[in-house]
Amino acid sequence: MPDEITVEKAFGKLYDIVRRLRAPGGCPWDQEQSDYSLRTNLVEEAYECVSAIEEADDENLREEIGDLFLVAAMIARIKEEEGVFTLKDVFAEVCEKLIRRHPHVFGDVKKDTADEVLEQWDHIKDNIEGKKAKKSVLERVPRTLPPLERAFFIQSKVSKVGFDWHKVGPVWEKIEEEIEEFKEAYNNRDYRETEREFGDLLFTIVNLGRLMNIDPTLALNSTNQKFINRFQELEKRLKSMGLEPKEADLDHMDSIWNQIKKDK
């Protein structure tokens, strides 16, 4: 794409392509999609952007951001066809919200720290825009969030009203308590209670991460990828010995695994 094309024209071209794909004579697959069917695509593209960021792969990130914009544009076009709202409405609303919630940038208010800005953001959201919860601070917790992210969201919400640990120390103690209760339920062969206690343990660990400013989803995603990389290296080294993983004993694989950890 020529450098002289503006951002506005470039995005306009994307939206024109989306409209063409959805129009009669366009793409059968795109024509069949709905906002509901594109939920998975939206999540997948967001996670692929996260992966590219974590891998410092800017070339791939550029592509993934484009894919994310594509899915968002497709959903907006579907709603436009349904007469619900237009993409212009989407942009107008987010622009108005950003200006309204940044009076320290677009007005005369003075804020010097990020914490002050966040406090102001919540105040505007709750009291000026009228989005304050009426019955419970948890009434707007999305049911569709993945469980790990939902736990983090819940804890962040109640923390804002003071229901939170102030130090990390007591959380370590709580984790130890949850581990003992988990062990007890397992030893008692109470499988339903074991599952509940496992959930309590996970919930508490998420709390610990939150207090340390660790996003549990990003942390676990990073660990998953690290495990994949190491296991693929394990397969590679076993193959050089003429072995498949199922043909090697655990002690042998564990020894190679530990060497991989040292090498990496």
C-alpha atoms as a PDB file:
ATOM      1  CA  MET A   1       0.000   0.000   0.000  1.00  0.00           C
ATOM      2  CA  PRO A   2       1.528   3.403  -1.001  1.00  0.00           C
ATOM      3  CA  ASP A   3       2.834   5.503   1.902  1.00  0.00           C
ATOM      4  CA  GLU A   4       0.794   8.510   0.810  1.00  0.00           C
ATOM      5  CA  ILE A   5      -2.502   6.761   1.665  1.00  0.00           C
ATOM      6  CA  THR A   6      -3.763   8.151   4.961  1.00  0.00           C
ATOM      7  CA  VAL A   7      -4.852   6.043   7.931  1.00  0.00           C
ATOM      8  CA  GLU A   8      -8.436   7.173   7.339  1.00  0.00           C
ATOM      9  CA  LYS A   9      -8.365   6.048   3.697  1.00  0.00           C
ATOM     10  CA  ALA A  10      -6.665   2.770   4.596  1.00  0.00           C
ATOM     11  CA  PHE A  11      -9.358   1.921   7.142  1.00  0.00           C
ATOM     12  CA  GLY A  12     -12.039   3.075   4.720  1.00  0.00           C
ATOM     13  CA  LYS A  13     -10.658   0.631   2.151  1.00  0.00           C
ATOM     14  CA  LEU A  14     -10.828  -2.193   4.713  1.00  0.00           C
ATOM     15  CA  TYR A  15     -14.452  -1.391   5.468  1.00  0.00           C
ATOM     16  CA  ASP A  16     -15.295  -1.176   1.758  1.00  0.00           C
ATOM     17  CA  ILE A  17     -13.833  -4.665   1.310  1.00  0.00           C
ATOM     18  CA  VAL A  18     -15.878  -5.979   4.246  1.00  0.00           C
ATOM     19  CA  ARG A  19     -19.055  -4.516   2.734  1.00  0.00           C
ATOM     20  CA  ARG A  20     -18.204  -6.113  -0.623  1.00  0.00           C
ATOM     21  CA  LEU A  21     -17.639  -9.506   1.036  1.00  0.00           C
ATOM     22  CA  ARG A  22     -21.023  -9.291   2.791  1.00  0.00           C
ATOM     23  CA  ALA A  23     -22.927  -7.971  -0.239  1.00  0.00           C
ATOM     24  CA  PRO A  24     -24.760 -10.060  -2.869  1.00  0.00           C
ATOM     25  CA  GLY A  25     -22.162 -11.661  -5.112  1.00  0.00           C
ATOM     26  CA  GLY A  26     -19.615 -11.517  -2.321  1.00  0.00           C
ATOM     27  CA  CYS A  27     -18.135 -14.348  -0.245  1.00  0.00           C
ATOM     28  CA  PRO A  28     -20.549 -17.127   0.857  1.00  0.00           C
ATOM     29  CA  TRP A  29     -18.643 -17.685   4.105  1.00  0.00           C
ATOM     30  CA  ASP A  30     -18.621 -14.014   5.085  1.00  0.00           C
ATOM     31  CA  GLN A  31     -22.301 -13.691   4.188  1.00  0.00           C
ATOM     32  CA  GLU A  32     -23.190 -16.510   6.589  1.00  0.00           C
ATOM     33  CA  GLN A  33     -21.479 -14.957   9.602  1.00  0.00           C
ATOM     34  CA  SER A  34     -23.196 -13.234  12.505  1.00  0.00           C
ATOM     35  CA  ASP A  35     -21.895 -11.354  15.513  1.00  0.00           C
ATOM     36  CA  TYR A  36     -22.522 -14.557  17.503  1.00  0.00           C
ATOM     37  CA  SER A  37     -20.571 -16.786  15.122  1.00  0.00           C
ATOM     38  CA  LEU A  38     -17.598 -14.388  15.117  1.00  0.00           C
ATOM     39  CA  ARG A  39     -17.113 -14.454  18.909  1.00  0.00           C
ATOM     40  CA  THR A  40     -14.462 -17.157  18.715  1.00  0.00           C
ATOM     41  CA  ASN A  41     -12.619 -15.361  15.900  1.00  0.00           C
ATOM     42  CA  LEU A  42     -12.557 -12.181  17.977  1.00  0.00           C
ATOM     43  CA  VAL A  43     -10.998 -13.962  20.967  1.00  0.00           C
ATOM     44  CA  GLU A  44      -8.537 -15.927  18.815  1.00  0.00           C
ATOM     45  CA  GLU A  45      -7.260 -12.842  17.024  1.00  0.00           C
ATOM     46  CA  ALA A  46      -6.821 -10.989  20.324  1.00  0.00           C
ATOM     47  CA  TYR A  47      -4.779 -13.869  21.736  1.00  0.00           C
ATOM     48  CA  GLU A  48      -2.677 -14.054  18.576  1.00  0.00           C
ATOM     49  CA  CYS A  49      -1.876 -10.358  19.025  1.00  0.00           C
ATOM     50  CA  VAL A  50      -0.830 -11.089  22.615  1.00  0.00           C
ATOM     51  CA  SER A  51       1.411 -13.942  21.451  1.00  0.00           C
ATOM     52  CA  ALA A  52       3.101 -11.737  18.855  1.00  0.00           C
ATOM     53  CA  ILE A  53       3.738  -9.075  21.494  1.00  0.00           C
ATOM     54  CA  GLU A  54       5.215 -11.600  23.927  1.00  0.00           C
ATOM     55  CA  GLU A  55       7.463 -12.992  21.199  1.00  0.00           C
ATOM     56  CA  ALA A  56       8.513  -9.468  20.148  1.00  0.00           C
ATOM     57  CA  ASP A  57       7.489 -10.439  16.608  1.00  0.00           C
ATOM     58  CA  ASP A  58       6.522  -7.039  15.223  1.00  0.00           C
ATOM     59  CA  GLU A  59       6.049  -8.294  11.677  1.00  0.00           C
ATOM     60  CA  ASN A  60       3.527 -10.875  12.844  1.00  0.00           C
ATOM     61  CA  LEU A  61       1.944  -8.357  15.213  1.00  0.00           C
ATOM     62  CA  ARG A  62       1.256  -6.023  12.293  1.00  0.00           C
ATOM     63  CA  GLU A  63      -0.634  -8.826  10.545  1.00  0.00           C
ATOM     64  CA  GLU A  64      -2.505  -9.896  13.676  1.00  0.00           C
ATOM     65  CA  ILE A  65      -3.635  -6.351  14.456  1.00  0.00           C
ATOM     66  CA  GLY A  66      -5.007  -6.218  10.926  1.00  0.00           C
ATOM     67  CA  ASP A  67      -6.903  -9.471  11.488  1.00  0.00           C
ATOM     68  CA  LEU A  68      -8.320  -8.092  14.744  1.00  0.00           C
ATOM     69  CA  PHE A  69      -9.519  -4.948  12.991  1.00  0.00           C
ATOM     70  CA  LEU A  70     -11.025  -7.126  10.265  1.00  0.00           C
ATOM     71  CA  VAL A  71     -13.169  -9.125  12.699  1.00  0.00           C
ATOM     72  CA  ALA A  72     -14.243  -5.971  14.530  1.00  0.00           C
ATOM     73  CA  ALA A  73     -15.154  -4.319  11.221  1.00  0.00           C
ATOM     74  CA  MET A  74     -17.114  -7.403  10.157  1.00  0.00           C
ATOM     75  CA  ILE A  75     -19.153  -7.373  13.371  1.00  0.00           C
ATOM     76  CA  ALA A  76     -19.803  -3.636  13.027  1.00  0.00           C
ATOM     77  CA  ARG A  77     -20.943  -4.151   9.413  1.00  0.00           C
ATOM     78  CA  ILE A  78     -23.351  -6.905  10.470  1.00  0.00           C
ATOM     79  CA  LYS A  79     -24.923  -4.574  13.042  1.00  0.00           C
ATOM     80  CA  GLU A  80     -25.123  -1.851  10.414  1.00  0.00           C
ATOM     81  CA  GLU A  81     -27.007  -4.215   8.102  1.00  0.00           C
ATOM     82  CA  GLU A  82     -29.378  -5.054  10.964  1.00  0.00           C
ATOM     83  CA  GLY A  83     -30.054  -1.348  11.516  1.00  0.00           C
ATOM     84  CA  VAL A  84     -28.770  -1.497  15.102  1.00  0.00           C
ATOM     85  CA  PHE A  85     -25.843   0.936  14.816  1.00  0.00           C
ATOM     86  CA  THR A  86     -23.194   2.031  12.319  1.00  0.00           C
ATOM     87  CA  LEU A  87     -19.412   2.070  12.483  1.00  0.00           C
ATOM     88  CA  LYS A  88     -19.685   5.856  12.577  1.00  0.00           C
ATOM     89  CA  ASP A  89     -21.770   5.500  15.755  1.00  0.00           C
ATOM     90  CA  VAL A  90     -19.092   3.241  17.273  1.00  0.00           C
ATOM     91  CA  PHE A  91     -16.292   5.726  16.586  1.00  0.00           C
ATOM     92  CA  ALA A  92     -18.357   8.744  17.684  1.00  0.00           C
ATOM     93  CA  GLU A  93     -19.237   7.084  20.996  1.00  0.00           C
ATOM     94  CA  VAL A  94     -15.707   5.983  21.867  1.00  0.00           C
ATOM     95  CA  CYS A  95     -14.323   9.432  20.944  1.00  0.00           C
ATOM     96  CA  GLU A  96     -16.872  11.176  23.168  1.00  0.00           C
ATOM     97  CA  LYS A  97     -16.113   8.759  26.009  1.00  0.00           C
ATOM     98  CA  LEU A  98     -12.348   9.268  25.739  1.00  0.00           C
ATOM     99  CA  ILE A  99     -12.710  13.055  25.819  1.00  0.00           C
ATOM    100  CA  ARG A 100     -15.183  12.882  28.718  1.00  0.00           C
ATOM    101  CA  ARG A 101     -12.968  10.558  30.774  1.00  0.00           C
ATOM    102  CA  HIS A 102      -9.781  12.581  30.148  1.00  0.00           C
ATOM    103  CA  PRO A 103     -10.619  16.048  31.493  1.00  0.00           C
ATOM    104  CA  HIS A 104      -6.958  16.313  32.542  1.00  0.00           C
ATOM    105  CA  VAL A 105      -6.078  16.245  28.820  1.00  0.00           C
ATOM    106  CA  PHE A 106      -9.085  17.901  27.147  1.00  0.00           C
ATOM    107  CA  GLY A 107     -10.123  20.152  30.060  1.00  0.00           C
ATOM    108  CA  ASP A 108      -8.753  22.128  32.991  1.00  0.00           C
ATOM    109  CA  VAL A 109      -8.434  19.284  35.520  1.00  0.00           C
ATOM    110  CA  LYS A 110      -4.903  18.499  36.726  1.00  0.00           C
ATOM    111  CA  LYS A 111      -3.822  14.906  37.387  1.00  0.00           C
ATOM    112  CA  ASP A 112      -0.164  13.994  37.879  1.00  0.00           C
ATOM    113  CA  THR A 113      -0.153  10.232  38.448  1.00  0.00           C
ATOM    114  CA  ALA A 114      -1.627   7.156  36.785  1.00  0.00           C
ATOM    115  CA  ASP A 115      -3.422   6.256  40.038  1.00  0.00           C
ATOM    116  CA  GLU A 116      -5.130   9.655  40.107  1.00  0.00           C
ATOM    117  CA  VAL A 117      -6.204   9.193  36.499  1.00  0.00           C
ATOM    118  CA  LEU A 118      -7.699   5.758  37.233  1.00  0.00           C
ATOM    119  CA  GLU A 119      -9.570   7.101  40.258  1.00  0.00           C
ATOM    120  CA  GLN A 120     -10.968   9.930  38.127  1.00  0.00           C
ATOM    121  CA  TRP A 121     -11.887   7.429  35.367  1.00  0.00           C
ATOM    122  CA  ASP A 122     -13.941   5.336  37.811  1.00  0.00           C
ATOM    123  CA  HIS A 123     -15.581   8.421  39.289  1.00  0.00           C
ATOM    124  CA  ILE A 124     -16.694   9.655  35.861  1.00  0.00           C
ATOM    125  CA  LYS A 125     -17.856   6.185  34.852  1.00  0.00           C
ATOM    126  CA  ASP A 126     -19.879   5.665  38.037  1.00  0.00           C
ATOM    127  CA  ASN A 127     -21.231   9.120  38.828  1.00  0.00           C
ATOM    128  CA  ILE A 128     -21.305  11.133  35.607  1.00  0.00           C
ATOM    129  CA  GLU A 129     -22.130   8.377  33.109  1.00  0.00           C
ATOM    130  CA  GLY A 130     -24.378   6.608  35.615  1.00  0.00           C
ATOM    131  CA  LYS A 131     -22.767   3.203  35.213  1.00  0.00           C
ATOM    132  CA  LYS A 132     -22.380   2.597  38.936  1.00  0.00           C
ATOM    133  CA  ALA A 133     -23.749  -0.777  39.996  1.00  0.00           C
ATOM    134  CA  LYS A 134     -27.221  -0.446  41.530  1.00  0.00           C
ATOM    135  CA  LYS A 135     -27.450  -3.644  43.580  1.00  0.00           C
ATOM    136  CA  SER A 136     -23.965  -5.150  43.624  1.00  0.00           C
ATOM    137  CA  VAL A 137     -20.484  -4.245  42.462  1.00  0.00           C
ATOM    138  CA  LEU A 138     -20.460  -7.661  40.799  1.00  0.00           C
ATOM    139  CA  GLU A 139     -23.676  -7.313  38.802  1.00  0.00           C
ATOM    140  CA  ARG A 140     -21.765  -6.492  35.610  1.00  0.00           C
ATOM    141  CA  VAL A 141     -19.291  -9.384  35.782  1.00  0.00           C
ATOM    142  CA  PRO A 142     -19.562 -10.968  32.297  1.00  0.00           C
ATOM    143  CA  ARG A 143     -20.687 -14.589  32.457  1.00  0.00           C
ATOM    144  CA  THR A 144     -18.889 -15.347  29.202  1.00  0.00           C
ATOM    145  CA  LEU A 145     -15.408 -14.543  30.516  1.00  0.00           C
ATOM    146  CA  PRO A 146     -13.112 -17.575  30.767  1.00  0.00           C
ATOM    147  CA  PRO A 147     -12.992 -18.715  34.435  1.00  0.00           C
ATOM    148  CA  LEU A 148      -9.433 -17.538  35.105  1.00  0.00           C
ATOM    149  CA  GLU A 149     -10.114 -14.079  33.697  1.00  0.00           C
ATOM    150  CA  ARG A 150     -13.485 -13.954  35.474  1.00  0.00           C
ATOM    151  CA  ALA A 151     -11.803 -14.659  38.832  1.00  0.00           C
ATOM    152  CA  PHE A 152      -9.349 -11.809  38.188  1.00  0.00           C
ATOM    153  CA  PHE A 153     -12.217  -9.495  37.170  1.00  0.00           C
ATOM    154  CA  ILE A 154     -14.260 -10.355  40.282  1.00  0.00           C
ATOM    155  CA  GLN A 155     -11.331  -9.755  42.611  1.00  0.00           C
ATOM    156  CA  SER A 156     -10.490  -6.440  40.958  1.00  0.00           C
ATOM    157  CA  LYS A 157     -14.081  -5.274  41.358  1.00  0.00           C
ATOM    158  CA  VAL A 158     -14.399  -6.073  45.070  1.00  0.00           C
ATOM    159  CA  SER A 159     -10.948  -4.620  45.704  1.00  0.00           C
ATOM    160  CA  LYS A 160     -12.259  -1.207  44.645  1.00  0.00           C
ATOM    161  CA  VAL A 161     -14.728  -1.216  47.546  1.00  0.00           C
ATOM    162  CA  GLY A 162     -12.110  -2.264  50.091  1.00  0.00           C
ATOM    163  CA  PHE A 163     -12.702  -6.033  50.187  1.00  0.00           C
ATOM    164  CA  ASP A 164      -9.090  -7.011  49.674  1.00  0.00           C
ATOM    165  CA  TRP A 165      -5.845  -7.986  51.306  1.00  0.00           C
ATOM    166  CA  HIS A 166      -3.478  -5.080  51.886  1.00  0.00           C
ATOM    167  CA  LYS A 167      -0.334  -7.212  51.971  1.00  0.00           C
ATOM    168  CA  VAL A 168       0.910 -10.296  50.148  1.00  0.00           C
ATOM    169  CA  GLY A 169       1.877 -12.165  53.345  1.00  0.00           C
ATOM    170  CA  PRO A 170      -1.629 -13.231  54.428  1.00  0.00           C
ATOM    171  CA  VAL A 171      -2.340 -14.524  50.910  1.00  0.00           C
ATOM    172  CA  TRP A 172       0.589 -16.960  51.179  1.00  0.00           C
ATOM    173  CA  GLU A 173      -0.961 -18.207  54.421  1.00  0.00           C
ATOM    174  CA  LYS A 174      -4.349 -18.540  52.725  1.00  0.00           C
ATOM    175  CA  ILE A 175      -2.792 -20.564  49.910  1.00  0.00           C
ATOM    176  CA  GLU A 176      -1.233 -22.946  52.443  1.00  0.00           C
ATOM    177  CA  GLU A 177      -4.635 -23.280  54.126  1.00  0.00           C
ATOM    178  CA  GLU A 178      -6.329 -24.039  50.797  1.00  0.00           C
ATOM    179  CA  ILE A 179      -3.671 -26.642  49.926  1.00  0.00           C
ATOM    180  CA  GLU A 180      -4.321 -28.461  53.219  1.00  0.00           C
ATOM    181  CA  GLU A 181      -8.091 -28.416  52.641  1.00  0.00           C
ATOM    182  CA  PHE A 182      -7.519 -29.681  49.093  1.00  0.00           C
ATOM    183  CA  LYS A 183      -5.355 -32.540  50.370  1.00  0.00           C
ATOM    184  CA  GLU A 184      -7.884 -33.416  53.057  1.00  0.00           C
ATOM    185  CA  ALA A 185     -10.767 -33.588  50.584  1.00  0.00           C
ATOM    186  CA  TYR A 186      -8.694 -35.771  48.238  1.00  0.00           C
ATOM    187  CA  ASN A 187      -7.593 -38.109  51.038  1.00  0.00           C
ATOM    188  CA  ASN A 188     -11.218 -38.468  52.123  1.00  0.00           C
ATOM    189  CA  ARG A 189     -12.099 -39.583  48.581  1.00  0.00           C
ATOM    190  CA  ASP A 190     -14.689 -36.800  48.435  1.00  0.00           C
ATOM    191  CA  TYR A 191     -14.353 -35.991  44.743  1.00  0.00           C
ATOM    192  CA  ARG A 192     -16.969 -33.237  44.630  1.00  0.00           C
ATOM    193  CA  GLU A 193     -15.370 -31.472  47.584  1.00  0.00           C
ATOM    194  CA  THR A 194     -11.930 -32.029  46.044  1.00  0.00           C
ATOM    195  CA  GLU A 195     -13.069 -30.167  42.941  1.00  0.00           C
ATOM    196  CA  ARG A 196     -14.444 -27.308  45.046  1.00  0.00           C
ATOM    197  CA  GLU A 197     -11.235 -27.048  47.057  1.00  0.00           C
ATOM    198  CA  PHE A 198      -9.177 -27.090  43.861  1.00  0.00           C
ATOM    199  CA  GLY A 199     -11.258 -24.145  42.652  1.00  0.00           C
ATOM    200  CA  ASP A 200     -10.672 -22.317  45.948  1.00  0.00           C
ATOM    201  CA  LEU A 201      -6.936 -22.868  45.587  1.00  0.00           C
ATOM    202  CA  LEU A 202      -6.898 -21.525  42.029  1.00  0.00           C
ATOM    203  CA  PHE A 203      -8.984 -18.507  43.065  1.00  0.00           C
ATOM    204  CA  THR A 204      -6.543 -17.677  45.865  1.00  0.00           C
ATOM    205  CA  ILE A 205      -3.520 -18.037  43.583  1.00  0.00           C
ATOM    206  CA  VAL A 206      -5.177 -15.615  41.139  1.00  0.00           C
ATOM    207  CA  ASN A 207      -5.551 -13.203  44.063  1.00  0.00           C
ATOM    208  CA  LEU A 208      -1.869 -13.507  44.882  1.00  0.00           C
ATOM    209  CA  GLY A 209      -0.924 -12.761  41.284  1.00  0.00           C
ATOM    210  CA  ARG A 210      -3.262  -9.767  41.179  1.00  0.00           C
ATOM    211  CA  LEU A 211      -1.656  -8.266  44.280  1.00  0.00           C
ATOM    212  CA  MET A 212       1.708  -8.700  42.547  1.00  0.00           C
ATOM    213  CA  ASN A 213       0.341  -7.006  39.391  1.00  0.00           C
ATOM    214  CA  ILE A 214       0.495 -10.307  37.498  1.00  0.00           C
ATOM    215  CA  ASP A 215      -2.261 -11.041  34.993  1.00  0.00           C
ATOM    216  CA  PRO A 216      -3.020 -14.767  35.527  1.00  0.00           C
ATOM    217  CA  THR A 217      -4.161 -15.353  31.965  1.00  0.00           C
ATOM    218  CA  LEU A 218      -1.013 -13.873  30.449  1.00  0.00           C
ATOM    219  CA  ALA A 219       1.170 -15.714  32.968  1.00  0.00           C
ATOM    220  CA  LEU A 220      -0.449 -19.082  32.248  1.00  0.00           C
ATOM    221  CA  ASN A 221      -0.404 -18.447  28.508  1.00  0.00           C
ATOM    222  CA  SER A 222       3.334 -17.789  28.716  1.00  0.00           C
ATOM    223  CA  THR A 223       3.858 -20.989  30.722  1.00  0.00           C
ATOM    224  CA  ASN A 224       1.826 -22.992  28.217  1.00  0.00           C
ATOM    225  CA  GLN A 225       4.011 -21.779  25.363  1.00  0.00           C
ATOM    226  CA  LYS A 226       7.176 -22.427  27.358  1.00  0.00           C
ATOM    227  CA  PHE A 227       6.019 -25.993  27.986  1.00  0.00           C
ATOM    228  CA  ILE A 228       5.247 -26.481  24.286  1.00  0.00           C
ATOM    229  CA  ASN A 229       8.693 -25.214  23.288  1.00  0.00           C
ATOM    230  CA  ARG A 230      10.452 -27.465  25.781  1.00  0.00           C
ATOM    231  CA  PHE A 231       8.412 -30.539  24.923  1.00  0.00           C
ATOM    232  CA  GLN A 232       9.019 -30.063  21.220  1.00  0.00           C
ATOM    233  CA  GLU A 233      12.739 -29.846  21.980  1.00  0.00           C
ATOM    234  CA  LEU A 234      12.403 -33.039  24.026  1.00  0.00           C
ATOM    235  CA  GLU A 235      10.769 -34.775  21.042  1.00  0.00           C
ATOM    236  CA  LYS A 236      13.560 -33.507  18.799  1.00  0.00           C
ATOM    237  CA  ARG A 237      16.311 -34.839  21.060  1.00  0.00           C
ATOM    238  CA  LEU A 238      14.581 -38.185  21.498  1.00  0.00           C
ATOM    239  CA  LYS A 239      14.174 -38.480  17.738  1.00  0.00           C
ATOM    240  CA  SER A 240      17.927 -37.940  17.317  1.00  0.00           C
ATOM    241  CA  MET A 241      18.316 -41.034  19.541  1.00  0.00           C
ATOM    242  CA  GLY A 242      15.860 -42.990  17.414  1.00  0.00           C
ATOM    243  CA  LEU A 243      13.137 -42.807  20.090  1.00  0.00           C
ATOM    244  CA  GLU A 244       9.566 -41.579  20.391  1.00  0.00           C
ATOM    245  CA  PRO A 245       8.329 -40.200  23.759  1.00  0.00           C
ATOM    246  CA  LYS A 246       6.165 -43.274  24.382  1.00  0.00           C
ATOM    247  CA  GLU A 247       9.247 -45.480  23.889  1.00  0.00           C
ATOM    248  CA  ALA A 248      11.388 -43.650  26.481  1.00  0.00           C
ATOM    249  CA  ASP A 249      10.983 -44.132  30.222  1.00  0.00           C
ATOM    250  CA  LEU A 250      10.023 -41.185  32.417  1.00  0.00           C
ATOM    251  CA  ASP A 251      13.401 -40.946  34.157  1.00  0.00           C
ATOM    252  CA  HIS A 252      15.159 -40.638  30.797  1.00  0.00           C
ATOM    253  CA  MET A 253      12.742 -37.975  29.572  1.00  0.00           C
ATOM    254  CA  ASP A 254      12.972 -36.114  32.884  1.00  0.00           C
ATOM    255  CA  SER A 255      16.764 -36.034  32.603  1.00  0.00           C
ATOM    256  CA  ILE A 256      16.563 -34.579  29.086  1.00  0.00           C
ATOM    257  CA  TRP A 257      13.894 -32.116  30.237  1.00  0.00           C
ATOM    258  CA  ASN A 258      16.136 -30.771  33.005  1.00  0.00           C
ATOM    259  CA  GLN A 259      18.974 -30.371  30.531  1.00  0.00           C
ATOM    260  CA  ILE A 260      16.681 -28.433  28.195  1.00  0.00           C
ATOM    261  CA  LYS A 261      15.767 -26.110  31.070  1.00  0.00           C
ATOM    262  CA  LYS A 262      19.476 -25.437  31.675  1.00  0.00           C
ATOM    263  CA  ASP A 263      20.167 -24.902  27.973  1.00  0.00           C
ATOM    264  CA  LYS A 264      17.281 -22.505  27.486  1.00  0.00           C
END
